[in-house]
Amino acid sequence: MSRLFKANQFAMEAHFRASCVATFAFPTEQLKPLVPAPLVIEAYQGYSFVAAAFVDTKNLRPKGFPSIFGRDFILAGYRIFVDYTDKRGKRLRGLYILGSETNSSTMVRLGNRLSNYAYQWSDLSTEFAESSFRFFDRESGNDVSFITDDPVLPEGSVFPDWKTARRFAGPMPFTFSVNQHKVNIVEGVRQNWQPKHASVVTSEIPMLEKLGLFNGVLSSGFVVEDVPYHWKKNRSESW
């Protein structure tokens, strides 16, 4: 995956109909080589974590533009939980981008020009009911579903309880990319952010293996609904 430095050049806003995250645990030593300095991989009990986030996004547009100018699309994002200490000495918790999928050819074309999200095409669709959420692509085999009624942690989860799992629920306030001696920082601002515990019913995600991520331990699921969201224009720092 190309690591060319690309800036999020504009503040953007959107509405998340639903954002569903399945978190996978991998031995920290397995993920460390994927995270460039000066980012620091987060760890718990010898494990580090990849968030596979599936988002039904409405009215994505430059911030301040009327919603009529917005685009609707589905996004799947694959991120590692990391920390970064900025030039002010402030510790920022966030996510390092591994790759993204979307059912919008416009997002693939323009998103890869204007951002560092590494979009690939996927014919993603959704099926939502009152307490169930499914994202799938029959061609690729992608099939992820969540239920928020009587949720339980996955069997074999590395987390002992929901409180611990919540630390790695994603998405996080910051997203990072690194090129040579620059760190690109994009801050997301959200409202009504109240993640619900969710059972992950299916978790067929071919993209993880395409990224070289094998044998991850499914460890938690979270769902948020009806969230206004915006991204600030990026800032970058030399290190």
C-alpha atoms as a PDB file:
ATOM      1  CA  MET A   1       0.000   0.000   0.000  1.00  0.00           C
ATOM      2  CA  SER A   2       1.426   3.353  -1.024  1.00  0.00           C
ATOM      3  CA  ARG A   3       2.450   5.611   1.857  1.00  0.00           C
ATOM      4  CA  LEU A   4       2.544   8.833  -0.137  1.00  0.00           C
ATOM      5  CA  PHE A   5       1.807  11.801   2.057  1.00  0.00           C
ATOM      6  CA  LYS A   6      -1.548  13.308   1.131  1.00  0.00           C
ATOM      7  CA  ALA A   7      -3.330  16.048   3.000  1.00  0.00           C
ATOM      8  CA  ASN A   8      -6.993  16.385   3.882  1.00  0.00           C
ATOM      9  CA  GLN A   9      -7.089  19.844   2.395  1.00  0.00           C
ATOM     10  CA  PHE A  10     -10.623  20.859   3.399  1.00  0.00           C
ATOM     11  CA  ALA A  11     -12.786  20.689   6.501  1.00  0.00           C
ATOM     12  CA  MET A  12     -15.580  18.214   5.755  1.00  0.00           C
ATOM     13  CA  GLU A  13     -18.871  17.235   7.358  1.00  0.00           C
ATOM     14  CA  ALA A  14     -21.301  14.345   7.082  1.00  0.00           C
ATOM     15  CA  HIS A  15     -23.974  12.414   8.940  1.00  0.00           C
ATOM     16  CA  PHE A  16     -23.379   8.845  10.051  1.00  0.00           C
ATOM     17  CA  ARG A  17     -26.550   6.809   9.771  1.00  0.00           C
ATOM     18  CA  ALA A  18     -24.624   4.052  11.539  1.00  0.00           C
ATOM     19  CA  SER A  19     -20.996   3.316  12.375  1.00  0.00           C
ATOM     20  CA  CYS A  20     -20.238  -0.286  13.340  1.00  0.00           C
ATOM     21  CA  VAL A  21     -16.821  -1.411  14.535  1.00  0.00           C
ATOM     22  CA  ALA A  22     -15.392  -4.892  14.999  1.00  0.00           C
ATOM     23  CA  THR A  23     -12.077  -4.851  16.885  1.00  0.00           C
ATOM     24  CA  PHE A  24      -9.486  -7.564  16.275  1.00  0.00           C
ATOM     25  CA  ALA A  25      -6.539  -8.341  18.551  1.00  0.00           C
ATOM     26  CA  PHE A  26      -3.128  -9.306  17.196  1.00  0.00           C
ATOM     27  CA  PRO A  27       0.139  -9.884  19.039  1.00  0.00           C
ATOM     28  CA  THR A  28       1.746  -6.476  19.381  1.00  0.00           C
ATOM     29  CA  GLU A  29       4.972  -7.702  17.778  1.00  0.00           C
ATOM     30  CA  GLN A  30       3.005  -8.695  14.674  1.00  0.00           C
ATOM     31  CA  LEU A  31       1.553  -5.203  14.157  1.00  0.00           C
ATOM     32  CA  LYS A  32       4.551  -3.112  15.210  1.00  0.00           C
ATOM     33  CA  PRO A  33       6.258  -3.223  11.789  1.00  0.00           C
ATOM     34  CA  LEU A  34       3.142  -1.658  10.224  1.00  0.00           C
ATOM     35  CA  VAL A  35       3.297   1.480  12.401  1.00  0.00           C
ATOM     36  CA  PRO A  36       5.948   4.077  11.443  1.00  0.00           C
ATOM     37  CA  ALA A  37       7.740   6.329  13.902  1.00  0.00           C
ATOM     38  CA  PRO A  38       6.967   8.641  15.607  1.00  0.00           C
ATOM     39  CA  LEU A  39       3.590   6.925  16.135  1.00  0.00           C
ATOM     40  CA  VAL A  40       3.491   4.481  19.051  1.00  0.00           C
ATOM     41  CA  ILE A  41       1.316   1.393  18.854  1.00  0.00           C
ATOM     42  CA  GLU A  42      -1.116   0.927  21.740  1.00  0.00           C
ATOM     43  CA  ALA A  43      -1.079  -2.376  23.585  1.00  0.00           C
ATOM     44  CA  TYR A  44      -3.019  -4.328  26.198  1.00  0.00           C
ATOM     45  CA  GLN A  45      -1.803  -7.609  27.714  1.00  0.00           C
ATOM     46  CA  GLY A  46       0.604  -8.174  24.813  1.00  0.00           C
ATOM     47  CA  TYR A  47      -2.000  -7.436  22.144  1.00  0.00           C
ATOM     48  CA  SER A  48      -2.582  -4.497  19.840  1.00  0.00           C
ATOM     49  CA  PHE A  49      -5.735  -3.777  17.893  1.00  0.00           C
ATOM     50  CA  VAL A  50      -7.126  -3.262  14.417  1.00  0.00           C
ATOM     51  CA  ALA A  51     -10.516  -1.581  14.090  1.00  0.00           C
ATOM     52  CA  ALA A  52     -12.602  -2.689  11.119  1.00  0.00           C
ATOM     53  CA  ALA A  53     -15.176   0.104  10.886  1.00  0.00           C
ATOM     54  CA  PHE A  54     -18.201   0.037   8.583  1.00  0.00           C
ATOM     55  CA  VAL A  55     -20.003   3.347   8.134  1.00  0.00           C
ATOM     56  CA  ASP A  56     -23.192   4.318   6.306  1.00  0.00           C
ATOM     57  CA  THR A  57     -22.376   7.943   5.482  1.00  0.00           C
ATOM     58  CA  LYS A  58     -24.851  10.582   4.329  1.00  0.00           C
ATOM     59  CA  ASN A  59     -24.288  14.015   2.778  1.00  0.00           C
ATOM     60  CA  LEU A  60     -20.482  14.168   2.858  1.00  0.00           C
ATOM     61  CA  ARG A  61     -19.535  17.680   1.741  1.00  0.00           C
ATOM     62  CA  PRO A  62     -17.188  20.585   2.496  1.00  0.00           C
ATOM     63  CA  LYS A  63     -18.086  21.985   5.898  1.00  0.00           C
ATOM     64  CA  GLY A  64     -20.647  24.767   5.674  1.00  0.00           C
ATOM     65  CA  PHE A  65     -22.081  23.661   2.330  1.00  0.00           C
ATOM     66  CA  PRO A  66     -25.815  22.769   2.182  1.00  0.00           C
ATOM     67  CA  SER A  67     -26.581  19.050   2.369  1.00  0.00           C
ATOM     68  CA  ILE A  68     -27.836  19.118  -1.233  1.00  0.00           C
ATOM     69  CA  PHE A  69     -24.176  19.163  -2.251  1.00  0.00           C
ATOM     70  CA  GLY A  70     -23.400  16.045  -0.218  1.00  0.00           C
ATOM     71  CA  ARG A  71     -22.574  12.505  -1.298  1.00  0.00           C
ATOM     72  CA  ASP A  72     -23.913   9.280   0.200  1.00  0.00           C
ATOM     73  CA  PHE A  73     -21.666   6.234   0.354  1.00  0.00           C
ATOM     74  CA  ILE A  74     -20.600   3.263   2.458  1.00  0.00           C
ATOM     75  CA  LEU A  75     -17.107   3.154   3.904  1.00  0.00           C
ATOM     76  CA  ALA A  76     -15.098   0.313   5.392  1.00  0.00           C
ATOM     77  CA  GLY A  77     -11.949   1.466   7.150  1.00  0.00           C
ATOM     78  CA  TYR A  78      -9.092  -0.567   8.614  1.00  0.00           C
ATOM     79  CA  ARG A  79      -7.004   1.185  11.274  1.00  0.00           C
ATOM     80  CA  ILE A  80      -4.492   0.418  14.046  1.00  0.00           C
ATOM     81  CA  PHE A  81      -4.830   2.082  17.456  1.00  0.00           C
ATOM     82  CA  VAL A  82      -1.834   4.350  18.081  1.00  0.00           C
ATOM     83  CA  ASP A  83      -0.616   7.320  20.136  1.00  0.00           C
ATOM     84  CA  TYR A  84       1.245  10.415  19.013  1.00  0.00           C
ATOM     85  CA  THR A  85       2.824  13.113  21.201  1.00  0.00           C
ATOM     86  CA  ASP A  86       2.651  16.402  19.320  1.00  0.00           C
ATOM     87  CA  LYS A  87       5.010  19.385  19.417  1.00  0.00           C
ATOM     88  CA  ARG A  88       3.063  20.853  22.338  1.00  0.00           C
ATOM     89  CA  GLY A  89       3.731  17.717  24.359  1.00  0.00           C
ATOM     90  CA  LYS A  90       0.087  16.638  24.168  1.00  0.00           C
ATOM     91  CA  ARG A  91      -0.641  12.920  23.830  1.00  0.00           C
ATOM     92  CA  LEU A  92      -3.149  12.242  21.086  1.00  0.00           C
ATOM     93  CA  ARG A  93      -4.930   8.895  20.836  1.00  0.00           C
ATOM     94  CA  GLY A  94      -5.929   7.939  17.361  1.00  0.00           C
ATOM     95  CA  LEU A  95      -5.778   5.580  14.434  1.00  0.00           C
ATOM     96  CA  TYR A  96      -3.183   4.838  11.785  1.00  0.00           C
ATOM     97  CA  ILE A  97      -4.676   4.123   8.366  1.00  0.00           C
ATOM     98  CA  LEU A  98      -4.004   0.745   6.749  1.00  0.00           C
ATOM     99  CA  GLY A  99      -6.638   0.906   4.015  1.00  0.00           C
ATOM    100  CA  SER A 100     -10.234   1.732   3.134  1.00  0.00           C
ATOM    101  CA  GLU A 101     -13.026   0.402   0.928  1.00  0.00           C
ATOM    102  CA  THR A 102     -16.045   2.238  -0.471  1.00  0.00           C
ATOM    103  CA  ASN A 103     -18.922   1.679  -2.878  1.00  0.00           C
ATOM    104  CA  SER A 104     -18.433   5.174  -4.340  1.00  0.00           C
ATOM    105  CA  SER A 105     -16.231   5.464  -7.421  1.00  0.00           C
ATOM    106  CA  THR A 106     -16.121   9.214  -6.764  1.00  0.00           C
ATOM    107  CA  MET A 107     -14.615   8.607  -3.335  1.00  0.00           C
ATOM    108  CA  VAL A 108     -12.037   6.250  -4.808  1.00  0.00           C
ATOM    109  CA  ARG A 109     -11.048   8.800  -7.440  1.00  0.00           C
ATOM    110  CA  LEU A 110     -11.222  12.065  -5.509  1.00  0.00           C
ATOM    111  CA  GLY A 111     -10.650  10.675  -2.030  1.00  0.00           C
ATOM    112  CA  ASN A 112      -7.301   9.238  -3.032  1.00  0.00           C
ATOM    113  CA  ARG A 113      -6.264  12.557  -4.522  1.00  0.00           C
ATOM    114  CA  LEU A 114      -7.276  14.676  -1.558  1.00  0.00           C
ATOM    115  CA  SER A 115      -6.733  12.368   1.412  1.00  0.00           C
ATOM    116  CA  ASN A 116      -4.543   9.564   2.729  1.00  0.00           C
ATOM    117  CA  TYR A 117      -7.360   7.044   3.220  1.00  0.00           C
ATOM    118  CA  ALA A 118      -6.169   4.605   0.511  1.00  0.00           C
ATOM    119  CA  TYR A 119      -9.621   3.871  -0.923  1.00  0.00           C
ATOM    120  CA  GLN A 120     -10.386   0.731  -2.914  1.00  0.00           C
ATOM    121  CA  TRP A 121     -13.660  -0.098  -4.641  1.00  0.00           C
ATOM    122  CA  SER A 122     -16.047  -2.561  -2.991  1.00  0.00           C
ATOM    123  CA  ASP A 123     -19.711  -3.083  -3.869  1.00  0.00           C
ATOM    124  CA  LEU A 124     -20.830  -2.678  -0.255  1.00  0.00           C
ATOM    125  CA  SER A 125     -24.517  -2.753   0.695  1.00  0.00           C
ATOM    126  CA  THR A 126     -26.415  -2.580   3.975  1.00  0.00           C
ATOM    127  CA  GLU A 127     -29.345  -4.310   5.662  1.00  0.00           C
ATOM    128  CA  PHE A 128     -30.533  -2.583   8.834  1.00  0.00           C
ATOM    129  CA  ALA A 129     -33.352  -3.457  11.213  1.00  0.00           C
ATOM    130  CA  GLU A 130     -34.259  -2.072  14.629  1.00  0.00           C
ATOM    131  CA  SER A 131     -31.314  -3.638  16.438  1.00  0.00           C
ATOM    132  CA  SER A 132     -29.331  -5.363  13.696  1.00  0.00           C
ATOM    133  CA  PHE A 133     -26.820  -3.989  11.223  1.00  0.00           C
ATOM    134  CA  ARG A 134     -25.258  -5.776   8.260  1.00  0.00           C
ATOM    135  CA  PHE A 135     -22.651  -4.642   5.727  1.00  0.00           C
ATOM    136  CA  PHE A 136     -21.896  -7.000   2.854  1.00  0.00           C
ATOM    137  CA  ASP A 137     -20.441  -7.373  -0.624  1.00  0.00           C
ATOM    138  CA  ARG A 138     -21.394 -10.663  -2.248  1.00  0.00           C
ATOM    139  CA  GLU A 139     -18.669 -10.404  -4.884  1.00  0.00           C
ATOM    140  CA  SER A 140     -15.759 -10.004  -2.470  1.00  0.00           C
ATOM    141  CA  GLY A 141     -17.249 -12.095   0.348  1.00  0.00           C
ATOM    142  CA  ASN A 142     -17.306  -9.194   2.787  1.00  0.00           C
ATOM    143  CA  ASP A 143     -20.067  -9.884   5.328  1.00  0.00           C
ATOM    144  CA  VAL A 144     -20.162  -8.255   8.758  1.00  0.00           C
ATOM    145  CA  SER A 145     -23.213  -8.071  10.999  1.00  0.00           C
ATOM    146  CA  PHE A 146     -23.959  -6.758  14.478  1.00  0.00           C
ATOM    147  CA  ILE A 147     -26.835  -7.111  16.964  1.00  0.00           C
ATOM    148  CA  THR A 148     -27.297  -4.728  19.884  1.00  0.00           C
ATOM    149  CA  ASP A 149     -29.957  -6.767  21.749  1.00  0.00           C
ATOM    150  CA  ASP A 150     -28.395  -8.600  24.733  1.00  0.00           C
ATOM    151  CA  PRO A 151     -24.841  -8.129  23.469  1.00  0.00           C
ATOM    152  CA  VAL A 152     -21.958 -10.342  24.544  1.00  0.00           C
ATOM    153  CA  LEU A 153     -18.227 -10.144  23.965  1.00  0.00           C
ATOM    154  CA  PRO A 154     -17.003 -12.637  21.342  1.00  0.00           C
ATOM    155  CA  GLU A 155     -15.877 -16.028  22.542  1.00  0.00           C
ATOM    156  CA  GLY A 156     -12.108 -15.831  23.008  1.00  0.00           C
ATOM    157  CA  SER A 157     -12.054 -12.052  23.366  1.00  0.00           C
ATOM    158  CA  VAL A 158      -8.856 -10.719  24.923  1.00  0.00           C
ATOM    159  CA  PHE A 159     -10.951  -8.236  26.907  1.00  0.00           C
ATOM    160  CA  PRO A 160     -12.252  -9.297  30.327  1.00  0.00           C
ATOM    161  CA  ASP A 161     -15.250  -6.941  30.210  1.00  0.00           C
ATOM    162  CA  TRP A 162     -17.008  -4.232  28.206  1.00  0.00           C
ATOM    163  CA  LYS A 163     -15.334  -1.429  30.163  1.00  0.00           C
ATOM    164  CA  THR A 164     -11.897  -2.577  29.000  1.00  0.00           C
ATOM    165  CA  ALA A 165     -13.127  -3.179  25.462  1.00  0.00           C
ATOM    166  CA  ARG A 166     -14.512   0.370  25.295  1.00  0.00           C
ATOM    167  CA  ARG A 167     -10.939   1.743  25.277  1.00  0.00           C
ATOM    168  CA  PHE A 168     -10.570   0.271  21.802  1.00  0.00           C
ATOM    169  CA  ALA A 169     -14.018   0.931  20.396  1.00  0.00           C
ATOM    170  CA  GLY A 170     -13.000   3.356  17.614  1.00  0.00           C
ATOM    171  CA  PRO A 171     -13.297   5.596  15.742  1.00  0.00           C
ATOM    172  CA  MET A 172     -10.906   7.804  17.693  1.00  0.00           C
ATOM    173  CA  PRO A 173     -10.676  11.609  17.645  1.00  0.00           C
ATOM    174  CA  PHE A 174      -7.496  11.645  15.535  1.00  0.00           C
ATOM    175  CA  THR A 175      -6.314   9.913  12.388  1.00  0.00           C
ATOM    176  CA  PHE A 176      -2.636   9.906  11.423  1.00  0.00           C
ATOM    177  CA  SER A 177      -0.431   9.302   8.422  1.00  0.00           C
ATOM    178  CA  VAL A 178       3.339   9.610   8.146  1.00  0.00           C
ATOM    179  CA  ASN A 179       5.633  10.418   5.226  1.00  0.00           C
ATOM    180  CA  GLN A 180       9.350  10.871   5.617  1.00  0.00           C
ATOM    181  CA  HIS A 181       9.610  13.422   8.426  1.00  0.00           C
ATOM    182  CA  LYS A 182       6.025  14.718   8.507  1.00  0.00           C
ATOM    183  CA  VAL A 183       3.038  13.572  10.527  1.00  0.00           C
ATOM    184  CA  ASN A 184      -0.364  14.417   9.099  1.00  0.00           C
ATOM    185  CA  ILE A 185      -3.088  14.855  11.748  1.00  0.00           C
ATOM    186  CA  VAL A 186      -6.812  14.952  10.994  1.00  0.00           C
ATOM    187  CA  GLU A 187      -9.172  15.611  13.896  1.00  0.00           C
ATOM    188  CA  GLY A 188     -12.755  14.387  13.841  1.00  0.00           C
ATOM    189  CA  VAL A 189     -15.477  16.130  15.848  1.00  0.00           C
ATOM    190  CA  ARG A 190     -18.663  14.247  16.633  1.00  0.00           C
ATOM    191  CA  GLN A 191     -21.961  14.747  18.453  1.00  0.00           C
ATOM    192  CA  ASN A 192     -24.268  12.212  20.139  1.00  0.00           C
ATOM    193  CA  TRP A 193     -21.368   9.745  20.293  1.00  0.00           C
ATOM    194  CA  GLN A 194     -22.778   6.978  22.480  1.00  0.00           C
ATOM    195  CA  PRO A 195     -21.422   3.581  21.391  1.00  0.00           C
ATOM    196  CA  LYS A 196     -23.686   0.619  22.097  1.00  0.00           C
ATOM    197  CA  HIS A 197     -22.246  -2.764  22.961  1.00  0.00           C
ATOM    198  CA  ALA A 198     -22.897  -5.157  20.075  1.00  0.00           C
ATOM    199  CA  SER A 199     -22.546  -8.855  19.402  1.00  0.00           C
ATOM    200  CA  VAL A 200     -20.636  -9.503  16.179  1.00  0.00           C
ATOM    201  CA  VAL A 201     -22.680 -12.182  14.439  1.00  0.00           C
ATOM    202  CA  THR A 202     -20.635 -12.525  11.237  1.00  0.00           C
ATOM    203  CA  SER A 203     -17.135 -11.222  10.552  1.00  0.00           C
ATOM    204  CA  GLU A 204     -16.056 -12.277   7.065  1.00  0.00           C
ATOM    205  CA  ILE A 205     -13.556  -9.538   6.095  1.00  0.00           C
ATOM    206  CA  PRO A 206     -11.275 -10.497   3.174  1.00  0.00           C
ATOM    207  CA  MET A 207      -9.547  -7.118   3.279  1.00  0.00           C
ATOM    208  CA  LEU A 208      -7.770  -8.052   6.517  1.00  0.00           C
ATOM    209  CA  GLU A 209      -5.902 -10.846   4.784  1.00  0.00           C
ATOM    210  CA  LYS A 210      -5.173  -8.596   1.794  1.00  0.00           C
ATOM    211  CA  LEU A 211      -3.468  -6.292   4.287  1.00  0.00           C
ATOM    212  CA  GLY A 212      -1.408  -9.207   5.601  1.00  0.00           C
ATOM    213  CA  LEU A 213      -3.411  -9.542   8.812  1.00  0.00           C
ATOM    214  CA  PHE A 214      -4.038 -13.215   9.581  1.00  0.00           C
ATOM    215  CA  ASN A 215      -5.550 -14.981  12.602  1.00  0.00           C
ATOM    216  CA  GLY A 216      -6.775 -11.904  14.444  1.00  0.00           C
ATOM    217  CA  VAL A 217      -8.871 -12.558  17.543  1.00  0.00           C
ATOM    218  CA  LEU A 218     -12.283 -10.916  17.276  1.00  0.00           C
ATOM    219  CA  SER A 219     -12.610  -9.167  20.629  1.00  0.00           C
ATOM    220  CA  SER A 220     -15.476  -6.643  20.614  1.00  0.00           C
ATOM    221  CA  GLY A 221     -18.214  -4.940  18.643  1.00  0.00           C
ATOM    222  CA  PHE A 222     -19.727  -1.465  18.986  1.00  0.00           C
ATOM    223  CA  VAL A 223     -22.426   0.466  17.135  1.00  0.00           C
ATOM    224  CA  VAL A 224     -23.307   4.171  17.063  1.00  0.00           C
ATOM    225  CA  GLU A 225     -26.282   5.643  15.213  1.00  0.00           C
ATOM    226  CA  ASP A 226     -27.452   9.042  13.977  1.00  0.00           C
ATOM    227  CA  VAL A 227     -24.225  10.990  14.478  1.00  0.00           C
ATOM    228  CA  PRO A 228     -23.374  14.419  13.018  1.00  0.00           C
ATOM    229  CA  TYR A 229     -19.653  14.381  12.266  1.00  0.00           C
ATOM    230  CA  HIS A 230     -17.060  16.700  10.810  1.00  0.00           C
ATOM    231  CA  TRP A 231     -13.353  16.592  10.111  1.00  0.00           C
ATOM    232  CA  LYS A 232     -11.128  19.593  10.622  1.00  0.00           C
ATOM    233  CA  LYS A 233      -8.651  20.582   7.943  1.00  0.00           C
ATOM    234  CA  ASN A 234      -5.433  18.655   8.469  1.00  0.00           C
ATOM    235  CA  ARG A 235      -2.385  19.955  10.243  1.00  0.00           C
ATOM    236  CA  SER A 236       1.087  18.543   9.838  1.00  0.00           C
ATOM    237  CA  GLU A 237       4.209  18.514  11.985  1.00  0.00           C
ATOM    238  CA  SER A 238       7.821  17.749  11.222  1.00  0.00           C
ATOM    239  CA  TRP A 239       9.629  15.316  13.484  1.00  0.00           C
END
